[in-house]
Amino acid sequence: MSSETVVFVSGATGFIAQQIVKTVLEAGYKTIGSVRSEEKGKYLKSLIESAGLNSNLFNYVIVKDIGAKGAFNEALQARPEVTVFLHTASPATFEIHDVEKELLKPAIEGTINALNAVTVYGKNVQRVVITSSYAAVAGFANLATPGKEVNEESWNPITYEQALENPFLGYIGSKKLAEKTVWNYIEEKKPKWDVTFVNPAFVLGPQAFAVRDKSKLNASNEIINSLLTANKTKVEPQQFVGYFIDVRDVAKAHLIAFEKNETVGQRLLLANAPFSSAGILDIIEKDFPNLKSELPKLDKSKSPKFEETESVVNNEKTRRILGFKFIDLKKSVDDTIKQLV
C-alpha cells in the first residue's frame, strides 16, 4: 500500500477496532472510522488526541445501524478516497432476547450492506479485510470436536437453525454465517477488490486507549475483570478454557492483511496458545501480590477440561504469513491488569 492509502474501519469504537485504529494511525495511514453517533465519534477522536497520535489523520462518519439497508452507502459516497475497507462491526454480546433479530440478522445483513456499499460506491477500494472469528472455524458446545485438529481451512458445522437455540450459539453462528456470506458474495459477484479474513480466538489484552469506564469491558476481557471483582460482587466467576490471542496482535494482523499481498484470499487464524481462568488467576497472584486478598479462590474441579472441550489448532500457515511472534499470556494479562487497577 502507498501513501495514498486511506483506511476505513467500520464499528470503530469496538474493543478490537480501537486497537486497529491506533495501529493503523501509528503506521501513518489516513483513517476513517464509522461510529453510531456524533458523541461516539468525538469521544474516539479525544482518545486518539490524548494518546498523542496524529488526530489530523483520523476522521469519522456516522452509521447509526449497520443492519439497515444501504447503511454504508452514504459514508462511502462521501469518502471516495477510501482504498482499504476493514469490516469489524458486528454484534458482540450475549445479553439479548431475540437471537435472530439481535445477532444473526445484524451480522449477516450488516456484512451484505458493507460489501454492497464497497462494490457500488468504493470506487478506489482495493482490499477488504473481514474481522471474522475462531468461532467460524471450530465447533463449540455440543458441536465441539475435542482433540481434532483445525486449521485455516476448517469450518464450524453450526447451521442457522442451531444458532437460534440460545444466545451463545447465536453469537457463534453469527460469526460463521457472516463469513460464509462474504465467500458466497465473492463467488457470485466477483468484485474488483481482494479480500482477507482475520479469525481471532478469545481476544485478551489492554484497551487501545486509557480506560475511562471500567464497569464494562469487551466480552473476552470480562474473563479477567470478573476475577478482579468477584469478591466485591460475590459472584463466582465463570471458568473458561480455550485459545487466546492478544488484541495488539489482532490489530497488527489487520494491518498486514492489507499491506501484504500474500494474505489475499486467506483466513488468518489467530490463536496463540491455550489458556484457562485458573491460569490467568495464577499470573495475577504471582505478578500482583498486592491484589491477592481481593482475588477469589477458584474451585478448579469446576473448570472445563481443555482436552474434553477444545479442538487442536494448527495455524502454522498464518504464523508464516504474518511473520511476527505472538504476545504471550503473561504479558497480555499483566498489561490488562495494569490498566484496570
Protein backbone atom coordinates (compact mmCIF):
# COMPACT_ATOMS: atom_id res chain seq x y z
CA MET A 1 0.00 0.00 0.00
CA SER A 2 1.14 3.55 -0.74
CA SER A 3 0.96 6.93 0.96
CA GLU A 4 -2.35 7.34 -0.87
CA THR A 5 -3.82 4.52 1.18
CA VAL A 6 -6.93 5.58 3.12
CA VAL A 7 -8.32 3.03 5.57
CA PHE A 8 -12.00 2.78 6.54
CA VAL A 9 -12.72 0.96 9.83
CA SER A 10 -16.35 0.02 10.42
CA GLY A 11 -17.52 -0.13 14.03
CA ALA A 12 -14.51 1.94 15.06
CA THR A 13 -15.38 2.24 18.75
CA GLY A 14 -15.24 -1.51 19.41
CA PHE A 15 -12.50 -3.10 21.53
CA ILE A 16 -10.66 -4.68 18.60
CA ALA A 17 -11.49 -1.80 16.25
CA GLN A 18 -9.98 0.85 18.54
CA GLN A 19 -6.75 -1.13 18.64
CA ILE A 20 -6.85 -1.37 14.83
CA VAL A 21 -7.41 2.39 14.53
CA LYS A 22 -4.45 3.01 16.85
CA THR A 23 -2.19 0.61 14.93
CA VAL A 24 -3.15 1.98 11.52
CA LEU A 25 -2.63 5.58 12.67
CA GLU A 26 0.76 4.67 14.15
CA ALA A 27 1.67 3.26 10.73
CA GLY A 28 0.90 6.69 9.25
CA TYR A 29 -2.27 5.91 7.30
CA LYS A 30 -5.22 8.26 6.97
CA THR A 31 -8.10 6.55 8.76
CA ILE A 32 -11.86 6.96 8.69
CA GLY A 33 -13.95 5.22 11.34
CA SER A 34 -17.68 4.58 11.30
CA VAL A 35 -19.43 5.28 14.61
CA ARG A 36 -23.07 5.15 15.69
CA SER A 37 -23.35 8.77 16.83
CA GLU A 38 -21.63 12.15 16.80
CA GLU A 39 -20.97 11.73 20.52
CA LYS A 40 -19.12 8.44 19.99
CA GLY A 41 -17.10 9.95 17.16
CA LYS A 42 -15.99 12.93 19.23
CA TYR A 43 -15.15 10.64 22.12
CA LEU A 44 -12.95 8.41 19.96
CA LYS A 45 -11.22 11.45 18.48
CA SER A 46 -10.49 12.71 22.02
CA LEU A 47 -8.98 9.34 22.96
CA ILE A 48 -6.72 9.49 19.91
CA GLU A 49 -5.60 13.02 20.79
CA SER A 50 -4.98 12.08 24.44
CA ALA A 51 -2.78 9.19 23.29
CA GLY A 52 -0.54 11.63 21.43
CA LEU A 53 -1.40 10.27 18.00
CA ASN A 54 -1.85 12.47 14.95
CA SER A 55 -5.58 13.11 15.17
CA ASN A 56 -5.42 15.01 11.88
CA LEU A 57 -5.10 11.63 10.18
CA PHE A 58 -8.42 10.48 11.71
CA ASN A 59 -11.97 11.36 10.74
CA TYR A 60 -15.28 9.67 11.47
CA VAL A 61 -18.59 9.14 9.72
CA ILE A 62 -21.88 8.18 11.33
CA VAL A 63 -23.51 4.84 10.52
CA LYS A 64 -26.35 4.50 13.01
CA ASP A 65 -27.42 0.94 12.21
CA ILE A 66 -25.20 -1.43 10.23
CA GLY A 67 -28.18 -3.74 9.70
CA ALA A 68 -30.21 -1.08 7.88
CA LYS A 69 -30.31 -1.47 4.11
CA GLY A 70 -27.71 0.75 2.47
CA ALA A 71 -26.14 1.51 5.85
CA PHE A 72 -22.68 2.30 4.46
CA ASN A 73 -23.74 3.84 1.14
CA GLU A 74 -23.69 7.47 2.23
CA ALA A 75 -20.44 7.04 4.17
CA LEU A 76 -18.55 5.68 1.16
CA GLN A 77 -20.18 8.11 -1.26
CA ALA A 78 -18.82 10.92 0.91
CA ARG A 79 -15.37 9.30 1.10
CA PRO A 80 -14.37 8.21 -2.43
CA GLU A 81 -10.70 8.33 -1.38
CA VAL A 82 -11.04 5.10 0.67
CA THR A 83 -8.75 2.34 -0.65
CA VAL A 84 -8.99 -0.21 2.19
CA PHE A 85 -12.18 -1.28 3.99
CA LEU A 86 -11.80 -3.08 7.34
CA HIS A 87 -15.15 -4.52 8.40
CA THR A 88 -15.06 -5.07 12.16
CA ALA A 89 -18.63 -4.09 13.02
CA SER A 90 -20.76 -6.97 14.29
CA PRO A 91 -22.91 -7.67 17.36
CA ALA A 92 -20.74 -8.99 20.22
CA THR A 93 -22.97 -9.61 23.21
CA PHE A 94 -24.84 -12.47 24.84
CA GLU A 95 -27.25 -10.12 26.65
CA ILE A 96 -30.07 -10.43 24.13
CA HIS A 97 -33.69 -11.54 23.95
CA ASP A 98 -34.10 -12.39 20.27
CA VAL A 99 -31.16 -14.29 18.72
CA GLU A 100 -32.27 -13.84 15.14
CA LYS A 101 -33.19 -10.16 15.40
CA GLU A 102 -30.29 -9.05 17.61
CA LEU A 103 -27.43 -11.32 16.46
CA LEU A 104 -27.90 -13.27 13.25
CA LYS A 105 -29.63 -10.72 11.04
CA PRO A 106 -27.45 -7.73 12.04
CA ALA A 107 -24.27 -9.77 11.47
CA ILE A 108 -25.35 -11.14 8.09
CA GLU A 109 -27.19 -8.09 6.78
CA GLY A 110 -24.53 -5.72 8.11
CA THR A 111 -21.94 -7.67 6.15
CA ILE A 112 -24.02 -7.60 2.96
CA ASN A 113 -24.60 -3.85 3.40
CA ALA A 114 -20.87 -3.25 3.74
CA LEU A 115 -19.97 -5.37 0.71
CA ASN A 116 -22.64 -3.79 -1.48
CA ALA A 117 -21.52 -0.30 -0.49
CA VAL A 118 -17.88 -1.11 -1.24
CA THR A 119 -18.79 -2.62 -4.61
CA VAL A 120 -21.04 0.24 -5.74
CA TYR A 121 -19.51 3.30 -4.06
CA GLY A 122 -15.98 2.26 -3.10
CA LYS A 123 -14.54 3.25 -6.45
CA ASN A 124 -10.96 3.14 -5.20
CA VAL A 125 -11.21 0.24 -2.73
CA GLN A 126 -8.61 -2.41 -3.49
CA ARG A 127 -8.72 -4.53 -0.34
CA VAL A 128 -11.44 -5.59 2.09
CA VAL A 129 -10.49 -7.18 5.41
CA ILE A 130 -13.20 -9.00 7.33
CA THR A 131 -12.93 -9.43 11.09
CA SER A 132 -14.32 -12.93 11.45
CA SER A 133 -13.66 -15.27 14.38
CA TYR A 134 -12.24 -18.58 15.54
CA ALA A 135 -15.92 -19.33 16.12
CA ALA A 136 -16.27 -19.64 12.33
CA VAL A 137 -13.51 -22.25 12.32
CA ALA A 138 -14.15 -24.66 15.21
CA GLY A 139 -17.27 -26.17 16.76
CA PHE A 140 -18.33 -25.36 20.32
CA ALA A 141 -20.65 -26.84 22.96
CA ASN A 142 -22.49 -29.86 21.51
CA LEU A 143 -20.75 -29.27 18.15
CA ALA A 144 -17.25 -29.39 19.64
CA THR A 145 -14.72 -31.92 18.36
CA PRO A 146 -12.25 -32.30 21.25
CA GLY A 147 -8.76 -33.25 20.16
CA LYS A 148 -9.49 -32.83 16.45
CA GLU A 149 -7.08 -30.59 14.54
CA VAL A 150 -8.48 -27.44 12.96
CA ASN A 151 -6.64 -25.10 10.62
CA GLU A 152 -7.27 -22.23 8.23
CA GLU A 153 -9.45 -24.45 6.03
CA SER A 154 -11.76 -25.67 8.82
CA TRP A 155 -15.36 -24.61 9.36
CA ASN A 156 -17.67 -24.71 12.36
CA PRO A 157 -20.53 -27.07 11.35
CA ILE A 158 -23.22 -24.93 13.04
CA THR A 159 -26.36 -24.23 10.98
CA TYR A 160 -28.72 -21.25 11.05
CA GLU A 161 -31.33 -23.34 12.86
CA GLN A 162 -28.84 -24.48 15.52
CA ALA A 163 -27.71 -20.87 16.03
CA LEU A 164 -31.26 -19.91 17.01
CA GLU A 165 -31.20 -22.17 20.09
CA ASN A 166 -29.59 -19.74 22.54
CA PRO A 167 -27.51 -16.51 22.65
CA PHE A 168 -24.19 -18.37 22.92
CA LEU A 169 -24.83 -20.48 19.82
CA GLY A 170 -26.33 -17.37 18.21
CA TYR A 171 -23.06 -15.49 18.66
CA ILE A 172 -21.03 -18.45 17.39
CA GLY A 173 -23.38 -18.91 14.45
CA SER A 174 -23.36 -15.22 13.56
CA LYS A 175 -19.60 -15.35 13.02
CA LYS A 176 -19.69 -18.42 10.79
CA LEU A 177 -22.74 -17.28 8.81
CA ALA A 178 -21.40 -13.74 8.28
CA GLU A 179 -18.11 -15.06 6.94
CA LYS A 180 -19.88 -17.56 4.67
CA THR A 181 -21.90 -14.63 3.36
CA VAL A 182 -18.67 -12.96 2.20
CA TRP A 183 -17.34 -16.09 0.50
CA ASN A 184 -20.68 -16.53 -1.31
CA TYR A 185 -20.71 -12.86 -2.32
CA ILE A 186 -17.24 -13.12 -3.83
CA GLU A 187 -18.17 -16.24 -5.77
CA GLU A 188 -21.37 -14.71 -7.15
CA LYS A 189 -20.40 -11.06 -7.70
CA LYS A 190 -16.68 -11.44 -8.47
CA PRO A 191 -15.89 -7.91 -7.20
CA LYS A 192 -12.79 -5.97 -8.29
CA TRP A 193 -11.43 -5.79 -4.73
CA ASP A 194 -9.49 -8.52 -2.92
CA VAL A 195 -10.45 -9.90 0.48
CA THR A 196 -8.68 -11.25 3.56
CA PHE A 197 -10.25 -12.73 6.70
CA VAL A 198 -8.97 -12.42 10.27
CA ASN A 199 -10.20 -15.15 12.63
CA PRO A 200 -9.16 -14.47 16.25
CA ALA A 201 -9.81 -16.75 19.23
CA PHE A 202 -10.54 -15.24 22.70
CA VAL A 203 -9.14 -11.72 22.44
CA LEU A 204 -7.37 -10.58 25.60
CA GLY A 205 -5.11 -7.64 26.34
CA PRO A 206 -5.35 -3.95 27.20
CA GLN A 207 -7.67 -1.36 25.73
CA ALA A 208 -6.08 0.71 22.97
CA PHE A 209 -6.62 3.91 24.92
CA ALA A 210 -6.99 4.93 28.57
CA VAL A 211 -9.95 3.18 30.22
CA ARG A 212 -12.41 5.83 31.34
CA ASP A 213 -15.19 3.39 32.18
CA LYS A 214 -14.04 0.19 33.86
CA SER A 215 -17.56 -1.04 34.58
CA LYS A 216 -17.96 -2.80 31.25
CA LEU A 217 -15.20 -4.31 29.14
CA ASN A 218 -15.32 -6.38 25.97
CA ALA A 219 -16.71 -9.89 26.44
CA SER A 220 -13.31 -11.62 26.40
CA ASN A 221 -11.66 -9.24 28.86
CA GLU A 222 -14.57 -9.67 31.25
CA ILE A 223 -12.87 -13.01 31.98
CA ILE A 224 -10.07 -11.04 33.65
CA ASN A 225 -12.29 -8.33 35.12
CA SER A 226 -14.60 -10.90 36.72
CA LEU A 227 -11.64 -12.28 38.67
CA LEU A 228 -10.78 -8.80 39.96
CA THR A 229 -14.33 -8.01 41.05
CA ALA A 230 -15.58 -11.41 42.24
CA ASN A 231 -15.04 -10.81 45.96
CA LYS A 232 -16.80 -7.43 45.82
CA THR A 233 -19.73 -8.61 43.74
CA LYS A 234 -20.00 -12.00 45.49
CA VAL A 235 -20.46 -13.52 42.03
CA GLU A 236 -18.44 -16.66 41.39
CA PRO A 237 -16.58 -16.14 38.11
CA GLN A 238 -17.47 -18.42 35.24
CA GLN A 239 -14.44 -20.52 34.39
CA PHE A 240 -13.20 -20.63 30.82
CA VAL A 241 -10.70 -22.60 28.79
CA GLY A 242 -9.78 -22.06 25.17
CA TYR A 243 -7.25 -20.41 22.90
CA PHE A 244 -6.33 -16.76 23.26
CA ILE A 245 -4.72 -14.03 21.20
CA ASP A 246 -3.66 -10.56 22.33
CA VAL A 247 -5.67 -7.69 20.87
CA ARG A 248 -2.46 -5.93 19.75
CA ASP A 249 -1.62 -8.96 17.61
CA VAL A 250 -5.14 -8.90 16.16
CA ALA A 251 -4.68 -5.26 15.16
CA LYS A 252 -1.25 -5.98 13.69
CA ALA A 253 -2.74 -8.83 11.66
CA HIS A 254 -5.32 -6.45 10.17
CA LEU A 255 -2.53 -4.08 9.16
CA ILE A 256 -0.55 -6.87 7.49
CA ALA A 257 -3.78 -8.14 5.90
CA PHE A 258 -3.94 -5.09 3.65
CA GLU A 259 -0.21 -4.40 3.35
CA LYS A 260 0.85 -7.88 2.25
CA ASN A 261 -0.41 -9.44 -0.98
CA GLU A 262 0.27 -12.91 0.39
CA THR A 263 -2.81 -12.51 2.59
CA VAL A 264 -5.25 -12.18 -0.33
CA GLY A 265 -7.95 -14.84 -0.18
CA GLN A 266 -6.59 -16.20 3.10
CA ARG A 267 -8.02 -16.76 6.57
CA LEU A 268 -5.58 -15.61 9.24
CA LEU A 269 -6.27 -17.91 12.18
CA LEU A 270 -5.16 -16.04 15.29
CA ALA A 271 -4.72 -18.40 18.23
CA ASN A 272 -1.55 -18.23 20.27
CA ALA A 273 -1.88 -20.88 22.96
CA PRO A 274 -4.37 -22.47 25.36
CA PHE A 275 -5.47 -20.51 28.41
CA SER A 276 -7.75 -21.02 31.40
CA SER A 277 -9.32 -18.78 34.03
CA ALA A 278 -7.27 -20.63 36.64
CA GLY A 279 -4.08 -19.93 34.69
CA ILE A 280 -4.93 -16.23 34.46
CA LEU A 281 -5.59 -16.15 38.21
CA ASP A 282 -2.19 -17.73 38.86
CA ILE A 283 -0.50 -14.99 36.79
CA ILE A 284 -2.32 -12.22 38.67
CA GLU A 285 -1.48 -13.73 42.08
CA LYS A 286 2.20 -14.05 41.18
CA ASP A 287 2.71 -10.71 39.42
CA PHE A 288 0.38 -8.59 41.56
CA PRO A 289 0.74 -9.90 45.15
CA ASN A 290 -0.96 -6.74 46.46
CA LEU A 291 -4.19 -7.92 44.81
CA LYS A 292 -4.12 -11.41 46.30
CA SER A 293 -6.56 -10.62 49.11
CA GLU A 294 -9.08 -9.33 46.56
CA LEU A 295 -8.95 -12.40 44.34
CA PRO A 296 -11.37 -15.33 44.52
CA LYS A 297 -10.47 -18.92 45.26
CA LEU A 298 -11.47 -20.87 42.19
CA ASP A 299 -12.76 -24.39 42.55
CA LYS A 300 -10.59 -25.96 39.87
CA SER A 301 -12.75 -29.09 39.89
CA LYS A 302 -15.43 -26.95 38.20
CA SER A 303 -13.09 -25.83 35.44
CA PRO A 304 -13.78 -27.28 31.98
CA LYS A 305 -11.07 -29.68 30.84
CA PHE A 306 -9.31 -28.35 27.75
CA GLU A 307 -8.80 -31.80 26.24
CA GLU A 308 -12.51 -32.55 26.70
CA THR A 309 -13.85 -29.40 25.05
CA GLU A 310 -11.32 -27.90 22.64
CA SER A 311 -10.02 -28.65 19.18
CA VAL A 312 -6.28 -28.56 18.49
CA VAL A 313 -5.22 -25.52 16.47
CA ASN A 314 -2.67 -25.76 13.68
CA ASN A 315 -2.10 -22.23 12.37
CA GLU A 316 1.45 -22.57 11.07
CA LYS A 317 0.34 -21.10 7.74
CA THR A 318 -0.95 -17.95 9.45
CA ARG A 319 2.18 -17.57 11.57
CA ARG A 320 4.36 -17.87 8.46
CA ILE A 321 2.38 -15.26 6.53
CA LEU A 322 2.32 -12.78 9.42
CA GLY A 323 5.96 -13.25 10.32
CA PHE A 324 5.83 -11.96 13.89
CA LYS A 325 5.79 -13.61 17.32
CA PHE A 326 2.52 -13.50 19.24
CA ILE A 327 2.35 -11.84 22.67
CA ASP A 328 2.27 -14.42 25.47
CA LEU A 329 -0.46 -14.81 28.11
CA LYS A 330 1.64 -13.36 30.93
CA LYS A 331 2.23 -10.05 29.13
CA SER A 332 -1.35 -9.91 27.92
CA VAL A 333 -2.73 -10.38 31.45
CA ASP A 334 -0.16 -8.12 33.13
CA ASP A 335 -0.76 -5.23 30.73
CA THR A 336 -4.52 -5.57 31.17
CA ILE A 337 -4.30 -5.58 34.97
CA LYS A 338 -2.04 -2.51 34.99
CA GLN A 339 -4.71 -0.67 33.04
CA LEU A 340 -7.58 -1.78 35.27
CA VAL A 341 -6.20 -1.21 38.77
